[in-house]
Amino acid sequence: MAVRNLIPWSRGRDVSARRGGETDPFVTLHREINRMFDEVMHGFGLTPFGGDRPLDAGGWPRIEVTESENEVKVTAELPGIDQKDVDVELANGLLCIRGEKKTETEDKGRLFSERYYGRFERRIPVDDVEEDKVAATFGNGVLTVTLPKSARAQQNVKRIAINGK
């Protein structure tokens, strides 16, 4: 008996059909289980398995923080969200961006979705900012929060010389 006869897919089945993804029920089941784990982990604020989708990235919405001599700027991508569904707060050195993305359709016609719906919250630590001069703008699904640095924060910067060997 040849070893080839012991391999189940070598008996007249086309191996390429099994790798097609959509036709193989096990691949479909695997994807659904991964999606369910991603959703559960997102609910706990955990990063499951280091993927590249927003749910796997350690937080949604995606943010960008930049700093200059005079200010800190936080930009958050919030596609498909209305301005009225977003709250921005600054308290005790934490900038909090929270809100909710509401579903656009009912579930009865939905076969599959990788879109994220539900509540979200991001907390970004910020120090030495002038709280009364913080400003936020929202347009085209992008939230920008500008936090001017206090005079004390601007003075506390010390340049350090780098010496060669």
N, C-alpha and C. Protein backbone atom coordinates (compact mmCIF):
# COMPACT_ATOMS: atom_id res chain seq x y z
N MET A 1 0.85 -1.18 0.00
CA MET A 1 0.00 0.00 0.00
C MET A 1 0.89 1.24 0.00
N ALA A 2 0.56 2.17 -0.85
CA ALA A 2 1.32 3.41 -0.95
C ALA A 2 0.82 4.40 0.10
N VAL A 3 1.71 5.23 0.58
CA VAL A 3 1.36 6.25 1.56
C VAL A 3 0.33 7.21 0.98
N ARG A 4 0.38 7.42 -0.31
CA ARG A 4 -0.55 8.34 -0.97
C ARG A 4 -2.00 7.91 -0.77
N ASN A 5 -2.26 6.63 -0.67
CA ASN A 5 -3.61 6.14 -0.47
C ASN A 5 -4.15 6.48 0.92
N LEU A 6 -3.29 6.79 1.86
CA LEU A 6 -3.72 7.14 3.22
C LEU A 6 -4.16 8.59 3.34
N ILE A 7 -3.80 9.43 2.38
CA ILE A 7 -4.16 10.84 2.40
C ILE A 7 -5.55 10.98 1.80
N PRO A 8 -6.55 11.47 2.57
CA PRO A 8 -7.92 11.44 2.11
C PRO A 8 -8.18 12.25 0.84
N TRP A 9 -7.52 13.37 0.62
CA TRP A 9 -7.85 14.18 -0.55
C TRP A 9 -7.16 13.69 -1.81
N SER A 10 -6.33 12.69 -1.71
CA SER A 10 -5.68 12.19 -2.91
C SER A 10 -6.55 11.18 -3.65
N ARG A 11 -7.68 10.79 -3.10
CA ARG A 11 -8.54 9.80 -3.72
C ARG A 11 -9.58 10.44 -4.63
N GLY A 12 -9.14 11.04 -5.70
CA GLY A 12 -10.06 11.56 -6.68
C GLY A 12 -10.60 12.94 -6.39
N ARG A 13 -10.26 13.55 -5.29
CA ARG A 13 -10.74 14.90 -4.99
C ARG A 13 -9.74 15.92 -5.49
N ASP A 14 -10.25 17.05 -5.86
CA ASP A 14 -9.39 18.14 -6.34
C ASP A 14 -8.95 18.97 -5.14
N VAL A 15 -7.66 19.01 -4.87
CA VAL A 15 -7.14 19.74 -3.72
C VAL A 15 -7.41 21.24 -3.85
N SER A 16 -7.37 21.79 -5.05
CA SER A 16 -7.58 23.22 -5.24
C SER A 16 -8.99 23.63 -4.83
N ALA A 17 -9.98 22.75 -4.96
CA ALA A 17 -11.34 23.09 -4.54
C ALA A 17 -11.43 23.23 -3.04
N ARG A 18 -10.63 22.47 -2.32
CA ARG A 18 -10.66 22.56 -0.86
C ARG A 18 -10.02 23.86 -0.38
N ARG A 19 -9.10 24.40 -1.16
CA ARG A 19 -8.41 25.62 -0.76
C ARG A 19 -9.13 26.87 -1.24
N GLY A 20 -10.24 26.73 -1.88
CA GLY A 20 -10.95 27.87 -2.43
C GLY A 20 -11.48 28.81 -1.39
N GLY A 21 -11.63 28.35 -0.15
CA GLY A 21 -12.08 29.23 0.93
C GLY A 21 -13.57 29.27 1.05
N GLU A 22 -14.24 29.79 0.05
CA GLU A 22 -15.69 29.96 0.12
C GLU A 22 -16.40 28.61 0.02
N THR A 23 -15.82 27.64 -0.68
CA THR A 23 -16.48 26.35 -0.85
C THR A 23 -16.23 25.42 0.31
N ASP A 24 -15.20 25.64 1.06
CA ASP A 24 -14.85 24.76 2.17
C ASP A 24 -15.54 25.22 3.45
N PRO A 25 -16.43 24.41 4.02
CA PRO A 25 -17.14 24.82 5.22
C PRO A 25 -16.23 25.00 6.44
N PHE A 26 -15.10 24.29 6.46
CA PHE A 26 -14.20 24.43 7.60
C PHE A 26 -13.49 25.78 7.60
N VAL A 27 -13.14 26.28 6.41
CA VAL A 27 -12.52 27.60 6.32
C VAL A 27 -13.53 28.67 6.74
N THR A 28 -14.78 28.50 6.30
CA THR A 28 -15.84 29.43 6.68
C THR A 28 -16.05 29.41 8.20
N LEU A 29 -16.09 28.22 8.79
CA LEU A 29 -16.23 28.09 10.24
C LEU A 29 -15.06 28.74 10.95
N HIS A 30 -13.84 28.53 10.44
CA HIS A 30 -12.64 29.13 11.04
C HIS A 30 -12.73 30.65 11.04
N ARG A 31 -13.16 31.24 9.93
CA ARG A 31 -13.31 32.69 9.84
C ARG A 31 -14.35 33.21 10.83
N GLU A 32 -15.47 32.51 10.93
CA GLU A 32 -16.53 32.94 11.85
C GLU A 32 -16.07 32.87 13.30
N ILE A 33 -15.35 31.82 13.66
CA ILE A 33 -14.84 31.70 15.04
C ILE A 33 -13.84 32.82 15.32
N ASN A 34 -12.96 33.13 14.37
CA ASN A 34 -12.01 34.24 14.56
C ASN A 34 -12.75 35.56 14.73
N ARG A 35 -13.79 35.78 13.93
CA ARG A 35 -14.56 37.02 14.04
C ARG A 35 -15.22 37.12 15.40
N MET A 36 -15.77 36.01 15.89
CA MET A 36 -16.42 36.04 17.21
C MET A 36 -15.41 36.33 18.32
N PHE A 37 -14.21 35.73 18.24
CA PHE A 37 -13.19 36.01 19.24
C PHE A 37 -12.76 37.48 19.18
N ASP A 38 -12.63 38.03 17.96
CA ASP A 38 -12.27 39.43 17.81
C ASP A 38 -13.29 40.33 18.50
N GLU A 39 -14.59 40.03 18.31
CA GLU A 39 -15.63 40.85 18.92
C GLU A 39 -15.61 40.74 20.44
N VAL A 40 -15.40 39.54 20.97
CA VAL A 40 -15.34 39.36 22.42
C VAL A 40 -14.15 40.09 23.00
N MET A 41 -12.98 39.95 22.38
CA MET A 41 -11.77 40.61 22.88
C MET A 41 -11.91 42.12 22.82
N HIS A 42 -12.55 42.65 21.78
CA HIS A 42 -12.73 44.09 21.67
C HIS A 42 -13.57 44.61 22.83
N GLY A 43 -14.55 43.83 23.27
CA GLY A 43 -15.39 44.23 24.39
C GLY A 43 -14.61 44.40 25.69
N PHE A 44 -13.48 43.70 25.81
CA PHE A 44 -12.65 43.82 27.00
C PHE A 44 -11.48 44.76 26.80
N GLY A 45 -11.40 45.38 25.62
CA GLY A 45 -10.31 46.31 25.34
C GLY A 45 -8.99 45.62 25.11
N LEU A 46 -9.01 44.34 24.71
CA LEU A 46 -7.78 43.59 24.47
C LEU A 46 -7.46 43.56 22.99
N THR A 47 -6.20 43.30 22.67
CA THR A 47 -5.77 43.18 21.30
C THR A 47 -5.63 41.71 20.96
N PRO A 48 -6.57 41.13 20.23
CA PRO A 48 -6.46 39.71 19.94
C PRO A 48 -5.54 39.42 18.76
N PHE A 49 -4.51 38.66 18.97
CA PHE A 49 -3.70 38.02 17.95
C PHE A 49 -3.03 38.97 16.97
N GLY A 50 -2.96 40.26 17.24
CA GLY A 50 -2.17 41.20 16.46
C GLY A 50 -2.54 41.35 15.00
N GLY A 51 -3.80 41.34 14.65
CA GLY A 51 -4.24 41.52 13.27
C GLY A 51 -4.15 42.96 12.85
N ASP A 52 -4.67 43.25 11.65
CA ASP A 52 -4.54 44.61 11.15
C ASP A 52 -5.88 45.32 10.98
N ARG A 53 -6.99 44.72 11.38
CA ARG A 53 -8.27 45.40 11.30
C ARG A 53 -8.45 46.26 12.55
N PRO A 54 -9.34 47.26 12.51
CA PRO A 54 -9.51 48.13 13.66
C PRO A 54 -9.81 47.38 14.96
N LEU A 55 -10.56 46.32 14.90
CA LEU A 55 -10.86 45.58 16.12
C LEU A 55 -9.63 44.92 16.68
N ASP A 56 -8.66 44.62 15.83
CA ASP A 56 -7.46 43.92 16.27
C ASP A 56 -6.33 44.87 16.62
N ALA A 57 -6.55 46.14 16.49
CA ALA A 57 -5.44 47.08 16.56
C ALA A 57 -5.25 47.71 17.92
N GLY A 58 -5.95 47.29 18.93
CA GLY A 58 -5.74 47.83 20.25
C GLY A 58 -6.60 49.03 20.54
N GLY A 59 -7.48 49.38 19.67
CA GLY A 59 -8.37 50.48 19.94
C GLY A 59 -9.03 51.02 18.70
N TRP A 60 -10.24 51.43 18.87
CA TRP A 60 -10.97 52.09 17.80
C TRP A 60 -11.67 53.25 18.44
N PRO A 61 -11.62 54.40 17.96
CA PRO A 61 -11.12 54.77 16.64
C PRO A 61 -9.61 54.89 16.60
N ARG A 62 -9.09 54.86 15.40
CA ARG A 62 -7.65 55.07 15.20
C ARG A 62 -7.34 56.53 15.50
N ILE A 63 -6.23 56.76 16.19
CA ILE A 63 -5.85 58.12 16.53
C ILE A 63 -4.42 58.40 16.09
N GLU A 64 -4.13 59.70 16.02
CA GLU A 64 -2.77 60.17 15.74
C GLU A 64 -2.52 61.32 16.71
N VAL A 65 -1.39 61.26 17.40
CA VAL A 65 -1.04 62.31 18.35
C VAL A 65 0.24 62.96 17.87
N THR A 66 0.19 64.29 17.70
CA THR A 66 1.38 65.04 17.30
C THR A 66 1.65 66.11 18.35
N GLU A 67 2.90 66.49 18.46
CA GLU A 67 3.28 67.49 19.46
C GLU A 67 4.25 68.49 18.84
N SER A 68 4.01 69.75 19.13
CA SER A 68 4.93 70.81 18.73
C SER A 68 5.35 71.55 20.00
N GLU A 69 6.09 72.62 19.83
CA GLU A 69 6.53 73.38 21.01
C GLU A 69 5.36 74.00 21.77
N ASN A 70 4.28 74.35 21.05
CA ASN A 70 3.18 75.09 21.66
C ASN A 70 1.93 74.27 21.95
N GLU A 71 1.78 73.10 21.31
CA GLU A 71 0.52 72.37 21.47
C GLU A 71 0.67 70.88 21.23
N VAL A 72 -0.35 70.15 21.69
CA VAL A 72 -0.50 68.74 21.40
C VAL A 72 -1.78 68.62 20.58
N LYS A 73 -1.72 67.87 19.48
CA LYS A 73 -2.89 67.72 18.63
C LYS A 73 -3.24 66.24 18.53
N VAL A 74 -4.50 65.92 18.81
CA VAL A 74 -5.01 64.55 18.71
C VAL A 74 -6.02 64.51 17.58
N THR A 75 -5.79 63.61 16.62
CA THR A 75 -6.70 63.45 15.50
C THR A 75 -7.25 62.03 15.53
N ALA A 76 -8.58 61.91 15.43
CA ALA A 76 -9.22 60.60 15.46
C ALA A 76 -10.06 60.42 14.20
N GLU A 77 -9.93 59.25 13.58
CA GLU A 77 -10.74 58.94 12.40
C GLU A 77 -12.06 58.33 12.87
N LEU A 78 -13.16 58.96 12.51
CA LEU A 78 -14.49 58.51 12.92
C LEU A 78 -15.42 58.43 11.71
N PRO A 79 -15.12 57.57 10.74
CA PRO A 79 -15.95 57.52 9.54
C PRO A 79 -17.35 57.00 9.85
N GLY A 80 -18.32 57.63 9.22
CA GLY A 80 -19.70 57.19 9.38
C GLY A 80 -20.36 57.59 10.68
N ILE A 81 -19.74 58.49 11.42
CA ILE A 81 -20.28 58.91 12.71
C ILE A 81 -20.64 60.38 12.63
N ASP A 82 -21.80 60.74 13.18
CA ASP A 82 -22.22 62.14 13.23
C ASP A 82 -21.56 62.84 14.41
N GLN A 83 -21.37 64.13 14.27
CA GLN A 83 -20.76 64.93 15.33
C GLN A 83 -21.55 64.83 16.63
N LYS A 84 -22.87 64.74 16.55
CA LYS A 84 -23.71 64.67 17.75
C LYS A 84 -23.54 63.35 18.51
N ASP A 85 -22.92 62.34 17.89
CA ASP A 85 -22.71 61.05 18.53
C ASP A 85 -21.33 60.92 19.15
N VAL A 86 -20.58 62.03 19.24
CA VAL A 86 -19.22 62.02 19.79
C VAL A 86 -19.14 62.98 20.97
N ASP A 87 -18.51 62.54 22.06
CA ASP A 87 -18.26 63.38 23.23
C ASP A 87 -16.76 63.46 23.45
N VAL A 88 -16.27 64.66 23.79
CA VAL A 88 -14.86 64.87 24.09
C VAL A 88 -14.78 65.52 25.46
N GLU A 89 -13.98 64.92 26.36
CA GLU A 89 -13.82 65.47 27.71
C GLU A 89 -12.34 65.49 28.08
N LEU A 90 -11.97 66.45 28.91
CA LEU A 90 -10.62 66.53 29.45
C LEU A 90 -10.74 66.66 30.96
N ALA A 91 -10.22 65.68 31.68
CA ALA A 91 -10.28 65.70 33.15
C ALA A 91 -9.10 64.93 33.71
N ASN A 92 -8.47 65.50 34.73
CA ASN A 92 -7.38 64.84 35.46
C ASN A 92 -6.27 64.33 34.54
N GLY A 93 -5.92 65.12 33.54
CA GLY A 93 -4.83 64.75 32.66
C GLY A 93 -5.17 63.68 31.63
N LEU A 94 -6.46 63.40 31.43
CA LEU A 94 -6.88 62.42 30.43
C LEU A 94 -7.85 63.05 29.45
N LEU A 95 -7.54 62.94 28.17
CA LEU A 95 -8.46 63.34 27.12
C LEU A 95 -9.27 62.10 26.77
N CYS A 96 -10.58 62.20 26.88
CA CYS A 96 -11.47 61.06 26.62
C CYS A 96 -12.33 61.36 25.39
N ILE A 97 -12.24 60.47 24.40
CA ILE A 97 -13.08 60.56 23.21
C ILE A 97 -14.00 59.35 23.25
N ARG A 98 -15.30 59.60 23.30
CA ARG A 98 -16.24 58.48 23.36
C ARG A 98 -17.45 58.78 22.50
N GLY A 99 -18.15 57.74 22.14
CA GLY A 99 -19.34 57.90 21.33
C GLY A 99 -19.92 56.57 20.94
N GLU A 100 -20.76 56.62 19.92
CA GLU A 100 -21.41 55.40 19.45
C GLU A 100 -21.61 55.47 17.95
N LYS A 101 -21.27 54.38 17.28
CA LYS A 101 -21.56 54.26 15.85
C LYS A 101 -22.77 53.36 15.73
N LYS A 102 -23.83 53.93 15.16
CA LYS A 102 -25.09 53.20 15.06
C LYS A 102 -25.17 52.47 13.73
N THR A 103 -25.80 51.32 13.75
CA THR A 103 -25.96 50.53 12.54
C THR A 103 -26.90 51.24 11.57
N GLU A 104 -26.59 51.11 10.29
CA GLU A 104 -27.38 51.79 9.26
C GLU A 104 -28.50 50.91 8.72
N THR A 105 -28.39 49.60 8.92
CA THR A 105 -29.39 48.68 8.38
C THR A 105 -29.83 47.71 9.47
N GLU A 106 -30.92 47.01 9.23
CA GLU A 106 -31.37 45.98 10.16
C GLU A 106 -30.64 44.68 9.84
N ASP A 107 -30.56 43.80 10.83
CA ASP A 107 -29.80 42.56 10.68
C ASP A 107 -30.46 41.52 9.78
N LYS A 108 -31.75 41.64 9.50
CA LYS A 108 -32.42 40.56 8.80
C LYS A 108 -31.91 40.34 7.37
N GLY A 109 -31.38 41.34 6.71
CA GLY A 109 -30.85 41.17 5.36
C GLY A 109 -29.35 40.99 5.32
N ARG A 110 -28.68 41.08 6.45
CA ARG A 110 -27.23 41.05 6.49
C ARG A 110 -26.73 39.61 6.53
N LEU A 111 -25.89 39.25 5.55
CA LEU A 111 -25.30 37.92 5.52
C LEU A 111 -23.96 37.89 6.24
N PHE A 112 -23.18 38.95 6.06
CA PHE A 112 -21.84 39.00 6.63
C PHE A 112 -21.42 40.45 6.77
N SER A 113 -20.73 40.79 7.85
CA SER A 113 -20.29 42.17 8.03
C SER A 113 -18.99 42.20 8.81
N GLU A 114 -18.03 42.99 8.34
CA GLU A 114 -16.80 43.24 9.06
C GLU A 114 -16.77 44.66 9.61
N ARG A 115 -17.88 45.35 9.49
CA ARG A 115 -17.95 46.73 9.97
C ARG A 115 -18.16 46.72 11.48
N TYR A 116 -17.70 47.79 12.13
CA TYR A 116 -17.82 47.91 13.57
C TYR A 116 -18.97 48.84 13.92
N TYR A 117 -19.83 48.37 14.80
CA TYR A 117 -20.92 49.19 15.33
C TYR A 117 -20.89 49.07 16.84
N GLY A 118 -21.31 50.13 17.49
CA GLY A 118 -21.40 50.09 18.95
C GLY A 118 -20.68 51.26 19.59
N ARG A 119 -20.57 51.17 20.89
CA ARG A 119 -19.92 52.23 21.67
C ARG A 119 -18.41 52.11 21.58
N PHE A 120 -17.75 53.26 21.69
CA PHE A 120 -16.29 53.28 21.71
C PHE A 120 -15.82 54.32 22.71
N GLU A 121 -14.59 54.16 23.16
CA GLU A 121 -13.97 55.12 24.07
C GLU A 121 -12.47 54.99 23.99
N ARG A 122 -11.79 56.12 23.83
CA ARG A 122 -10.33 56.18 23.86
C ARG A 122 -9.92 57.20 24.89
N ARG A 123 -8.92 56.86 25.69
CA ARG A 123 -8.37 57.76 26.71
C ARG A 123 -6.90 58.00 26.40
N ILE A 124 -6.56 59.28 26.26
CA ILE A 124 -5.19 59.66 25.92
C ILE A 124 -4.65 60.53 27.05
N PRO A 125 -3.55 60.14 27.68
CA PRO A 125 -2.98 60.97 28.74
C PRO A 125 -2.31 62.21 28.16
N VAL A 126 -2.61 63.36 28.75
CA VAL A 126 -1.99 64.62 28.35
C VAL A 126 -1.61 65.37 29.62
N ASP A 127 -0.43 65.97 29.61
CA ASP A 127 0.05 66.70 30.79
C ASP A 127 0.30 68.16 30.44
N ASP A 128 0.13 69.01 31.43
CA ASP A 128 0.49 70.42 31.34
C ASP A 128 -0.11 71.12 30.11
N VAL A 129 -1.43 71.04 29.99
CA VAL A 129 -2.11 71.77 28.93
C VAL A 129 -3.04 72.80 29.56
N GLU A 130 -3.32 73.84 28.79
CA GLU A 130 -4.24 74.87 29.26
C GLU A 130 -5.67 74.40 28.98
N GLU A 131 -6.32 73.88 30.01
CA GLU A 131 -7.61 73.23 29.84
C GLU A 131 -8.68 74.18 29.31
N ASP A 132 -8.62 75.46 29.66
CA ASP A 132 -9.65 76.40 29.21
C ASP A 132 -9.48 76.83 27.75
N LYS A 133 -8.36 76.46 27.11
CA LYS A 133 -8.14 76.85 25.72
C LYS A 133 -8.17 75.65 24.76
N VAL A 134 -8.60 74.50 25.23
CA VAL A 134 -8.69 73.31 24.38
C VAL A 134 -9.82 73.51 23.38
N ALA A 135 -9.57 73.14 22.12
CA ALA A 135 -10.57 73.30 21.06
C ALA A 135 -10.68 72.00 20.27
N ALA A 136 -11.89 71.72 19.77
CA ALA A 136 -12.12 70.53 18.97
C ALA A 136 -12.90 70.91 17.71
N THR A 137 -12.53 70.29 16.59
CA THR A 137 -13.25 70.47 15.34
C THR A 137 -13.58 69.09 14.78
N PHE A 138 -14.67 69.05 14.02
CA PHE A 138 -15.11 67.78 13.43
C PHE A 138 -15.56 68.03 12.00
N GLY A 139 -15.00 67.29 11.07
CA GLY A 139 -15.39 67.43 9.67
C GLY A 139 -14.93 66.25 8.85
N ASN A 140 -15.79 65.79 7.94
CA ASN A 140 -15.49 64.67 7.05
C ASN A 140 -15.05 63.42 7.81
N GLY A 141 -15.66 63.17 8.96
CA GLY A 141 -15.34 61.97 9.73
C GLY A 141 -14.03 62.02 10.48
N VAL A 142 -13.45 63.22 10.64
CA VAL A 142 -12.18 63.37 11.35
C VAL A 142 -12.37 64.36 12.49
N LEU A 143 -12.07 63.91 13.70
CA LEU A 143 -12.11 64.77 14.90
C LEU A 143 -10.68 65.23 15.19
N THR A 144 -10.51 66.54 15.38
CA THR A 144 -9.20 67.10 15.73
C THR A 144 -9.35 67.88 17.02
N VAL A 145 -8.56 67.49 18.03
CA VAL A 145 -8.56 68.18 19.32
C VAL A 145 -7.20 68.84 19.48
N THR A 146 -7.21 70.16 19.68
CA THR A 146 -5.98 70.92 19.86
C THR A 146 -5.87 71.32 21.32
N LEU A 147 -4.75 70.92 21.95
CA LEU A 147 -4.52 71.18 23.37
C LEU A 147 -3.28 72.07 23.52
N PRO A 148 -3.45 73.38 23.74
CA PRO A 148 -2.29 74.26 23.91
C PRO A 148 -1.52 73.90 25.19
N LYS A 149 -0.20 73.89 25.07
CA LYS A 149 0.63 73.59 26.24
C LYS A 149 0.67 74.79 27.17
N SER A 150 0.80 74.51 28.44
CA SER A 150 0.92 75.60 29.42
C SER A 150 2.33 76.19 29.34
N ALA A 151 2.49 77.39 29.88
CA ALA A 151 3.80 78.05 29.86
C ALA A 151 4.82 77.21 30.62
N ARG A 152 4.39 76.58 31.70
CA ARG A 152 5.29 75.74 32.49
C ARG A 152 5.79 74.56 31.66
N ALA A 153 4.91 73.95 30.88
CA ALA A 153 5.32 72.81 30.05
C ALA A 153 6.31 73.24 28.98
N GLN A 154 6.12 74.43 28.43
CA GLN A 154 7.02 74.91 27.40
C GLN A 154 8.40 75.24 27.97
N GLN A 155 8.46 75.66 29.25
CA GLN A 155 9.74 75.98 29.88
C GLN A 155 10.47 74.74 30.36
N ASN A 156 9.76 73.65 30.62
CA ASN A 156 10.38 72.45 31.17
C ASN A 156 11.16 71.63 30.14
N VAL A 157 11.18 72.07 28.90
CA VAL A 157 11.92 71.34 27.88
C VAL A 157 13.39 71.67 28.01
N LYS A 158 14.20 70.64 28.12
CA LYS A 158 15.64 70.83 28.24
C LYS A 158 16.32 70.09 27.10
N ARG A 159 17.09 70.79 26.32
CA ARG A 159 17.84 70.20 25.22
C ARG A 159 19.08 69.52 25.80
N ILE A 160 19.35 68.32 25.31
CA ILE A 160 20.49 67.55 25.79
C ILE A 160 21.46 67.36 24.63
N ALA A 161 22.68 67.74 24.83
CA ALA A 161 23.70 67.61 23.79
C ALA A 161 24.10 66.15 23.66
N ILE A 162 24.35 65.74 22.42
CA ILE A 162 24.77 64.38 22.15
C ILE A 162 26.26 64.41 21.82
N ASN A 163 27.03 63.66 22.56
CA ASN A 163 28.47 63.60 22.36
C ASN A 163 28.84 62.35 21.58
N GLY A 164 29.77 62.46 20.65
CA GLY A 164 30.26 61.31 19.90
C GLY A 164 31.28 60.53 20.72
N LYS A 165 31.56 59.32 20.29
CA LYS A 165 32.52 58.47 21.01
C LYS A 165 33.93 58.75 20.60
